[in-house]
């Protein structure tokens, strides 16, 4: 069953909240708005949105804390918006569980494009081409497995030694991509383009911030899996290039 096209807008400035609601409504979403983080978390709990936009600077709990609370109860796509465009703020947003970070002032067309790109991310994965290396095992056409790590693309489930692991959508998509690639190295630029929905546009520019965001996602993914980057069980770093599955 497809997820309902519901969006939640959490923004304390009424004019910006109205603009965001208009952009999302034009994209076909049923939109619910909140002026603070606490009310926004409740709207997410109640309406289970596909997309949530979240302002960083709000009265009460800020956007970073709100994102953490939302991520604890929902796998909604989170887009954080802030007038603070410094890289450290963007990275903090990603570490809090956001899928994307957009600086204010933003162009409505750009925001719409960023959201459309997130929604185009492939939720199904296809078997890798033979390359002589270890191939993740698909036990029933849905699960991918590597050394006790299992991922189900259809149900968005991940387990480690039969214990469930909660991941953000970005972390899940990176892990699925790596499982499909097997021993083939996936560069940070490849993963950044995949998250943007542009994995086939190989000429697209990938900024240092995009690459750094992949590093943050990977650090969070490893932490949740319980993996040491120095003695990896599942994902190894190819220094200066990217990542691949362990042998």
C-alpha atoms as a PDB file:
ATOM      1  CA  UNK A   1       0.000   0.000   0.000  1.00  0.00           C
ATOM      2  CA  UNK A   2       1.365   3.444  -0.939  1.00  0.00           C
ATOM      3  CA  UNK A   3       2.009   5.942   1.808  1.00  0.00           C
ATOM      4  CA  UNK A   4      -0.581   8.731   1.901  1.00  0.00           C
ATOM      5  CA  UNK A   5       0.739  12.049   0.615  1.00  0.00           C
ATOM      6  CA  UNK A   6       0.550  13.851   3.930  1.00  0.00           C
ATOM      7  CA  UNK A   7       3.000  16.558   4.997  1.00  0.00           C
ATOM      8  CA  UNK A   8       3.619  18.354   8.282  1.00  0.00           C
ATOM      9  CA  UNK A   9       5.099  21.865   8.323  1.00  0.00           C
ATOM     10  CA  UNK A  10       6.756  22.944  11.598  1.00  0.00           C
ATOM     11  CA  UNK A  11       7.599  26.633  11.360  1.00  0.00           C
ATOM     12  CA  UNK A  12       7.090  29.474  13.854  1.00  0.00           C
ATOM     13  CA  UNK A  13       6.897  32.267  11.234  1.00  0.00           C
ATOM     14  CA  UNK A  14       3.352  32.318   9.913  1.00  0.00           C
ATOM     15  CA  UNK A  15       4.165  33.696   6.452  1.00  0.00           C
ATOM     16  CA  UNK A  16       6.846  31.058   5.827  1.00  0.00           C
ATOM     17  CA  UNK A  17       4.576  28.342   7.209  1.00  0.00           C
ATOM     18  CA  UNK A  18       1.885  29.460   4.757  1.00  0.00           C
ATOM     19  CA  UNK A  19       4.366  29.472   1.858  1.00  0.00           C
ATOM     20  CA  UNK A  20       5.569  25.967   2.693  1.00  0.00           C
ATOM     21  CA  UNK A  21       1.993  24.734   2.976  1.00  0.00           C
ATOM     22  CA  UNK A  22       1.223  26.193  -0.452  1.00  0.00           C
ATOM     23  CA  UNK A  23       4.268  24.582  -2.070  1.00  0.00           C
ATOM     24  CA  UNK A  24       3.429  21.187  -0.594  1.00  0.00           C
ATOM     25  CA  UNK A  25      -0.283  21.467  -1.397  1.00  0.00           C
ATOM     26  CA  UNK A  26       0.620  22.212  -5.032  1.00  0.00           C
ATOM     27  CA  UNK A  27       2.700  19.034  -4.972  1.00  0.00           C
ATOM     28  CA  UNK A  28      -0.399  17.073  -3.982  1.00  0.00           C
ATOM     29  CA  UNK A  29       0.076  16.863  -0.227  1.00  0.00           C
ATOM     30  CA  UNK A  30      -2.500  17.192   2.517  1.00  0.00           C
ATOM     31  CA  UNK A  31      -0.698  19.656   4.799  1.00  0.00           C
ATOM     32  CA  UNK A  32      -0.848  20.136   8.566  1.00  0.00           C
ATOM     33  CA  UNK A  33       1.018  22.999  10.231  1.00  0.00           C
ATOM     34  CA  UNK A  34       2.457  23.706  13.678  1.00  0.00           C
ATOM     35  CA  UNK A  35       4.162  26.795  15.108  1.00  0.00           C
ATOM     36  CA  UNK A  36       6.480  24.968  17.529  1.00  0.00           C
ATOM     37  CA  UNK A  37       8.346  21.716  17.921  1.00  0.00           C
ATOM     38  CA  UNK A  38       6.177  20.124  20.589  1.00  0.00           C
ATOM     39  CA  UNK A  39       2.974  20.592  18.569  1.00  0.00           C
ATOM     40  CA  UNK A  40       4.799  19.442  15.455  1.00  0.00           C
ATOM     41  CA  UNK A  41       5.844  16.171  17.060  1.00  0.00           C
ATOM     42  CA  UNK A  42       2.217  15.516  17.985  1.00  0.00           C
ATOM     43  CA  UNK A  43       1.087  16.229  14.414  1.00  0.00           C
ATOM     44  CA  UNK A  44       3.649  13.735  13.130  1.00  0.00           C
ATOM     45  CA  UNK A  45       2.423  11.172  15.655  1.00  0.00           C
ATOM     46  CA  UNK A  46      -1.205  11.760  14.654  1.00  0.00           C
ATOM     47  CA  UNK A  47      -0.958  12.052  10.865  1.00  0.00           C
ATOM     48  CA  UNK A  48       2.116   9.889  10.039  1.00  0.00           C
ATOM     49  CA  UNK A  49       3.328  12.173   7.225  1.00  0.00           C
ATOM     50  CA  UNK A  50       5.444  11.168   4.276  1.00  0.00           C
ATOM     51  CA  UNK A  51       7.345  14.489   4.440  1.00  0.00           C
ATOM     52  CA  UNK A  52       8.002  16.889   7.328  1.00  0.00           C
ATOM     53  CA  UNK A  53       9.617  20.313   6.994  1.00  0.00           C
ATOM     54  CA  UNK A  54      11.215  21.646  10.135  1.00  0.00           C
ATOM     55  CA  UNK A  55      12.584  25.061  11.059  1.00  0.00           C
ATOM     56  CA  UNK A  56      15.753  25.101  13.155  1.00  0.00           C
ATOM     57  CA  UNK A  57      15.164  28.281  15.174  1.00  0.00           C
ATOM     58  CA  UNK A  58      11.891  27.973  17.062  1.00  0.00           C
ATOM     59  CA  UNK A  59      10.687  28.908  20.538  1.00  0.00           C
ATOM     60  CA  UNK A  60      10.800  26.078  23.057  1.00  0.00           C
ATOM     61  CA  UNK A  61      12.597  23.028  21.716  1.00  0.00           C
ATOM     62  CA  UNK A  62      14.717  23.841  18.652  1.00  0.00           C
ATOM     63  CA  UNK A  63      14.646  22.060  15.325  1.00  0.00           C
ATOM     64  CA  UNK A  64      17.521  19.707  16.143  1.00  0.00           C
ATOM     65  CA  UNK A  65      15.814  18.360  19.268  1.00  0.00           C
ATOM     66  CA  UNK A  66      12.478  18.236  17.449  1.00  0.00           C
ATOM     67  CA  UNK A  67      14.071  16.165  14.678  1.00  0.00           C
ATOM     68  CA  UNK A  68      15.405  13.687  17.233  1.00  0.00           C
ATOM     69  CA  UNK A  69      11.962  13.330  18.823  1.00  0.00           C
ATOM     70  CA  UNK A  70      10.321  12.874  15.425  1.00  0.00           C
ATOM     71  CA  UNK A  71      12.884  10.312  14.352  1.00  0.00           C
ATOM     72  CA  UNK A  72      12.177   8.311  17.511  1.00  0.00           C
ATOM     73  CA  UNK A  73       8.561   7.790  16.405  1.00  0.00           C
ATOM     74  CA  UNK A  74       8.536   8.149  12.614  1.00  0.00           C
ATOM     75  CA  UNK A  75      10.435   7.397   9.408  1.00  0.00           C
ATOM     76  CA  UNK A  76       9.047  10.512   7.690  1.00  0.00           C
ATOM     77  CA  UNK A  77      11.378  12.330   5.330  1.00  0.00           C
ATOM     78  CA  UNK A  78      12.650  15.343   7.302  1.00  0.00           C
ATOM     79  CA  UNK A  79      13.760  18.529   5.526  1.00  0.00           C
ATOM     80  CA  UNK A  80      15.290  21.092   7.877  1.00  0.00           C
ATOM     81  CA  UNK A  81      15.206  24.785   6.982  1.00  0.00           C
ATOM     82  CA  UNK A  82      17.289  27.505   8.562  1.00  0.00           C
ATOM     83  CA  UNK A  83      18.696  30.972   7.946  1.00  0.00           C
ATOM     84  CA  UNK A  84      21.907  29.555   9.400  1.00  0.00           C
ATOM     85  CA  UNK A  85      23.695  28.161   6.344  1.00  0.00           C
ATOM     86  CA  UNK A  86      26.974  27.171   8.014  1.00  0.00           C
ATOM     87  CA  UNK A  87      28.083  23.613   7.288  1.00  0.00           C
ATOM     88  CA  UNK A  88      28.195  22.717  10.983  1.00  0.00           C
ATOM     89  CA  UNK A  89      24.462  23.438  11.287  1.00  0.00           C
ATOM     90  CA  UNK A  90      23.685  21.265   8.270  1.00  0.00           C
ATOM     91  CA  UNK A  91      25.746  18.421   9.702  1.00  0.00           C
ATOM     92  CA  UNK A  92      24.074  18.798  13.094  1.00  0.00           C
ATOM     93  CA  UNK A  93      20.708  18.538  11.353  1.00  0.00           C
ATOM     94  CA  UNK A  94      21.726  15.342   9.565  1.00  0.00           C
ATOM     95  CA  UNK A  95      23.041  13.884  12.813  1.00  0.00           C
ATOM     96  CA  UNK A  96      19.660  14.653  14.412  1.00  0.00           C
ATOM     97  CA  UNK A  97      17.977  12.511  11.765  1.00  0.00           C
ATOM     98  CA  UNK A  98      17.160  14.920   8.934  1.00  0.00           C
ATOM     99  CA  UNK A  99      17.295  13.721   5.333  1.00  0.00           C
ATOM    100  CA  UNK A 100      18.065  17.135   3.808  1.00  0.00           C
ATOM    101  CA  UNK A 101      18.930  20.663   4.911  1.00  0.00           C
ATOM    102  CA  UNK A 102      17.821  23.777   3.013  1.00  0.00           C
ATOM    103  CA  UNK A 103      19.075  27.293   3.745  1.00  0.00           C
ATOM    104  CA  UNK A 104      16.706  30.264   3.974  1.00  0.00           C
ATOM    105  CA  UNK A 105      15.768  32.191   1.990  1.00  0.00           C
ATOM    106  CA  UNK A 106      14.813  29.314  -0.286  1.00  0.00           C
ATOM    107  CA  UNK A 107      13.210  29.259  -3.701  1.00  0.00           C
ATOM    108  CA  UNK A 108       9.906  27.343  -3.701  1.00  0.00           C
ATOM    109  CA  UNK A 109      10.871  25.615  -6.945  1.00  0.00           C
ATOM    110  CA  UNK A 110      14.156  24.431  -5.439  1.00  0.00           C
ATOM    111  CA  UNK A 111      12.426  23.096  -2.313  1.00  0.00           C
ATOM    112  CA  UNK A 112       9.875  21.273  -4.459  1.00  0.00           C
ATOM    113  CA  UNK A 113      12.691  19.746  -6.515  1.00  0.00           C
ATOM    114  CA  UNK A 114      14.566  18.610  -3.390  1.00  0.00           C
ATOM    115  CA  UNK A 115      11.431  16.939  -2.011  1.00  0.00           C
ATOM    116  CA  UNK A 116      10.655  15.302  -5.363  1.00  0.00           C
ATOM    117  CA  UNK A 117      14.224  13.958  -5.464  1.00  0.00           C
ATOM    118  CA  UNK A 118      13.822  12.377  -2.026  1.00  0.00           C
ATOM    119  CA  UNK A 119      10.584  10.725  -3.067  1.00  0.00           C
ATOM    120  CA  UNK A 120      12.246   9.307  -6.194  1.00  0.00           C
ATOM    121  CA  UNK A 121      14.763   7.334  -4.173  1.00  0.00           C
ATOM    122  CA  UNK A 122      14.427   3.676  -5.171  1.00  0.00           C
ATOM    123  CA  UNK A 123      12.833   1.636  -2.404  1.00  0.00           C
ATOM    124  CA  UNK A 124      13.465  -1.672  -4.185  1.00  0.00           C
ATOM    125  CA  UNK A 125      16.942  -3.005  -4.907  1.00  0.00           C
ATOM    126  CA  UNK A 126      18.214  -5.258  -7.678  1.00  0.00           C
ATOM    127  CA  UNK A 127      20.863  -7.988  -7.508  1.00  0.00           C
ATOM    128  CA  UNK A 128      24.451  -6.902  -8.141  1.00  0.00           C
ATOM    129  CA  UNK A 129      26.417  -7.937 -11.201  1.00  0.00           C
ATOM    130  CA  UNK A 130      28.869 -10.797 -10.566  1.00  0.00           C
ATOM    131  CA  UNK A 131      32.307  -9.454  -9.687  1.00  0.00           C
ATOM    132  CA  UNK A 132      34.002 -12.377  -8.066  1.00  0.00           C
ATOM    133  CA  UNK A 133      33.501 -11.009  -4.560  1.00  0.00           C
ATOM    134  CA  UNK A 134      31.036 -12.059  -1.856  1.00  0.00           C
ATOM    135  CA  UNK A 135      27.443 -11.514  -2.932  1.00  0.00           C
ATOM    136  CA  UNK A 136      24.738 -10.550  -0.443  1.00  0.00           C
ATOM    137  CA  UNK A 137      22.285 -13.417  -0.105  1.00  0.00           C
ATOM    138  CA  UNK A 138      18.649 -12.753  -0.989  1.00  0.00           C
ATOM    139  CA  UNK A 139      16.893 -15.544   0.889  1.00  0.00           C
ATOM    140  CA  UNK A 140      13.401 -15.015  -0.507  1.00  0.00           C
ATOM    141  CA  UNK A 141      13.729 -12.397  -3.235  1.00  0.00           C
ATOM    142  CA  UNK A 142      13.368  -9.579  -0.716  1.00  0.00           C
ATOM    143  CA  UNK A 143      16.026  -9.910   1.976  1.00  0.00           C
ATOM    144  CA  UNK A 144      19.673  -9.021   1.430  1.00  0.00           C
ATOM    145  CA  UNK A 145      22.172 -10.490   3.883  1.00  0.00           C
ATOM    146  CA  UNK A 146      25.849 -10.050   4.740  1.00  0.00           C
ATOM    147  CA  UNK A 147      27.555 -11.570   7.808  1.00  0.00           C
ATOM    148  CA  UNK A 148      24.391 -11.574   9.960  1.00  0.00           C
ATOM    149  CA  UNK A 149      23.212  -8.167   8.717  1.00  0.00           C
ATOM    150  CA  UNK A 150      19.859  -8.446   6.928  1.00  0.00           C
ATOM    151  CA  UNK A 151      17.885  -5.800   5.027  1.00  0.00           C
ATOM    152  CA  UNK A 152      14.375  -6.080   3.624  1.00  0.00           C
ATOM    153  CA  UNK A 153      13.786  -3.513   0.891  1.00  0.00           C
ATOM    154  CA  UNK A 154      10.035  -4.096   0.739  1.00  0.00           C
ATOM    155  CA  UNK A 155       9.286  -3.691   4.445  1.00  0.00           C
ATOM    156  CA  UNK A 156      12.160  -1.320   5.285  1.00  0.00           C
ATOM    157  CA  UNK A 157      13.430  -3.637   8.021  1.00  0.00           C
ATOM    158  CA  UNK A 158      17.053  -4.086   9.085  1.00  0.00           C
ATOM    159  CA  UNK A 159      18.278  -6.680  11.578  1.00  0.00           C
ATOM    160  CA  UNK A 160      21.682  -7.529  13.041  1.00  0.00           C
ATOM    161  CA  UNK A 161      21.915 -11.055  14.450  1.00  0.00           C
ATOM    162  CA  UNK A 162      18.081 -11.128  14.494  1.00  0.00           C
ATOM    163  CA  UNK A 163      17.850  -7.857  16.466  1.00  0.00           C
ATOM    164  CA  UNK A 164      15.928  -4.992  14.826  1.00  0.00           C
ATOM    165  CA  UNK A 165      17.879  -1.840  13.980  1.00  0.00           C
ATOM    166  CA  UNK A 166      16.128   1.513  13.489  1.00  0.00           C
ATOM    167  CA  UNK A 167      17.596   3.603  10.650  1.00  0.00           C
ATOM    168  CA  UNK A 168      16.646   6.867   8.990  1.00  0.00           C
ATOM    169  CA  UNK A 169      15.632   6.652   5.351  1.00  0.00           C
ATOM    170  CA  UNK A 170      18.978   8.058   4.233  1.00  0.00           C
ATOM    171  CA  UNK A 171      20.886   5.520   6.325  1.00  0.00           C
ATOM    172  CA  UNK A 172      18.672   2.722   5.009  1.00  0.00           C
ATOM    173  CA  UNK A 173      19.181   3.784   1.392  1.00  0.00           C
ATOM    174  CA  UNK A 174      22.961   3.967   1.829  1.00  0.00           C
ATOM    175  CA  UNK A 175      23.046   0.516   3.418  1.00  0.00           C
ATOM    176  CA  UNK A 176      20.833  -0.950   0.679  1.00  0.00           C
ATOM    177  CA  UNK A 177      23.047   0.592  -1.989  1.00  0.00           C
ATOM    178  CA  UNK A 178      26.184  -0.890  -0.418  1.00  0.00           C
ATOM    179  CA  UNK A 179      24.593  -4.328  -0.030  1.00  0.00           C
ATOM    180  CA  UNK A 180      23.670  -4.321  -3.703  1.00  0.00           C
ATOM    181  CA  UNK A 181      27.158  -3.178  -4.748  1.00  0.00           C
ATOM    182  CA  UNK A 182      28.905  -5.937  -2.790  1.00  0.00           C
ATOM    183  CA  UNK A 183      32.692  -5.605  -3.104  1.00  0.00           C
ATOM    184  CA  UNK A 184      32.412  -2.862  -5.718  1.00  0.00           C
ATOM    185  CA  UNK A 185      33.468   0.451  -4.182  1.00  0.00           C
ATOM    186  CA  UNK A 186      30.794   3.134  -3.911  1.00  0.00           C
ATOM    187  CA  UNK A 187      32.325   6.603  -3.901  1.00  0.00           C
ATOM    188  CA  UNK A 188      30.935   9.293  -1.615  1.00  0.00           C
ATOM    189  CA  UNK A 189      29.847  11.172  -4.740  1.00  0.00           C
ATOM    190  CA  UNK A 190      27.916   8.100  -5.950  1.00  0.00           C
ATOM    191  CA  UNK A 191      26.091   7.852  -2.623  1.00  0.00           C
ATOM    192  CA  UNK A 192      25.365  11.594  -2.550  1.00  0.00           C
ATOM    193  CA  UNK A 193      23.854  11.454  -6.044  1.00  0.00           C
ATOM    194  CA  UNK A 194      21.825   8.377  -5.052  1.00  0.00           C
ATOM    195  CA  UNK A 195      20.347  10.207  -2.063  1.00  0.00           C
ATOM    196  CA  UNK A 196      19.470  13.137  -4.313  1.00  0.00           C
ATOM    197  CA  UNK A 197      17.772  10.811  -6.779  1.00  0.00           C
ATOM    198  CA  UNK A 198      20.377  11.634  -9.433  1.00  0.00           C
ATOM    199  CA  UNK A 199      22.394   8.409  -9.421  1.00  0.00           C
ATOM    200  CA  UNK A 200      22.449   8.256 -13.207  1.00  0.00           C
ATOM    201  CA  UNK A 201      23.487  11.896 -13.679  1.00  0.00           C
ATOM    202  CA  UNK A 202      27.170  11.134 -13.205  1.00  0.00           C
ATOM    203  CA  UNK A 203      28.259  14.597 -14.335  1.00  0.00           C
ATOM    204  CA  UNK A 204      26.343  16.353 -11.558  1.00  0.00           C
ATOM    205  CA  UNK A 205      28.490  18.386  -9.203  1.00  0.00           C
ATOM    206  CA  UNK A 206      28.877  17.020  -5.677  1.00  0.00           C
ATOM    207  CA  UNK A 207      30.098  19.559  -3.145  1.00  0.00           C
ATOM    208  CA  UNK A 208      32.388  19.019  -0.186  1.00  0.00           C
ATOM    209  CA  UNK A 209      29.317  19.473   2.035  1.00  0.00           C
ATOM    210  CA  UNK A 210      27.552  16.645   0.182  1.00  0.00           C
ATOM    211  CA  UNK A 211      30.550  14.385   0.703  1.00  0.00           C
ATOM    212  CA  UNK A 212      30.782  15.369   4.362  1.00  0.00           C
ATOM    213  CA  UNK A 213      27.073  14.624   4.784  1.00  0.00           C
ATOM    214  CA  UNK A 214      27.718  11.088   3.513  1.00  0.00           C
ATOM    215  CA  UNK A 215      30.452  10.715   6.139  1.00  0.00           C
ATOM    216  CA  UNK A 216      27.977  11.805   8.840  1.00  0.00           C
ATOM    217  CA  UNK A 217      25.328   9.373   7.595  1.00  0.00           C
ATOM    218  CA  UNK A 218      27.920   6.601   7.510  1.00  0.00           C
ATOM    219  CA  UNK A 219      29.128   7.367  11.050  1.00  0.00           C
ATOM    220  CA  UNK A 220      25.529   7.260  12.307  1.00  0.00           C
ATOM    221  CA  UNK A 221      24.867   4.034  10.375  1.00  0.00           C
ATOM    222  CA  UNK A 222      27.912   2.333  11.858  1.00  0.00           C
ATOM    223  CA  UNK A 223      27.018   3.496  15.351  1.00  0.00           C
ATOM    224  CA  UNK A 224      23.513   2.055  15.055  1.00  0.00           C
ATOM    225  CA  UNK A 225      24.809  -1.223  13.640  1.00  0.00           C
ATOM    226  CA  UNK A 226      27.351  -1.448  16.458  1.00  0.00           C
ATOM    227  CA  UNK A 227      30.292  -1.541  14.077  1.00  0.00           C
ATOM    228  CA  UNK A 228      33.828  -0.289  14.600  1.00  0.00           C
ATOM    229  CA  UNK A 229      35.237   1.580  11.576  1.00  0.00           C
ATOM    230  CA  UNK A 230      38.730   0.323  12.461  1.00  0.00           C
ATOM    231  CA  UNK A 231      37.655  -3.331  12.645  1.00  0.00           C
ATOM    232  CA  UNK A 232      34.579  -3.445  10.419  1.00  0.00           C
ATOM    233  CA  UNK A 233      32.314  -6.478  10.264  1.00  0.00           C
ATOM    234  CA  UNK A 234      30.169  -5.252   7.367  1.00  0.00           C
ATOM    235  CA  UNK A 235      31.343  -1.987   5.751  1.00  0.00           C
ATOM    236  CA  UNK A 236      34.943  -1.053   5.108  1.00  0.00           C
ATOM    237  CA  UNK A 237      36.311   2.336   4.128  1.00  0.00           C
ATOM    238  CA  UNK A 238      38.464   2.546   1.005  1.00  0.00           C
ATOM    239  CA  UNK A 239      40.550   5.555   1.976  1.00  0.00           C
ATOM    240  CA  UNK A 240      40.200   8.499  -0.369  1.00  0.00           C
ATOM    241  CA  UNK A 241      37.561   6.703  -2.461  1.00  0.00           C
ATOM    242  CA  UNK A 242      34.463   5.491  -0.617  1.00  0.00           C
ATOM    243  CA  UNK A 243      32.951   2.370   0.917  1.00  0.00           C
ATOM    244  CA  UNK A 244      32.280  -1.292   0.138  1.00  0.00           C
ATOM    245  CA  UNK A 245      31.256  -4.500   1.900  1.00  0.00           C
ATOM    246  CA  UNK A 246      33.859  -6.455   3.816  1.00  0.00           C
ATOM    247  CA  UNK A 247      35.149  -9.722   2.372  1.00  0.00           C
END
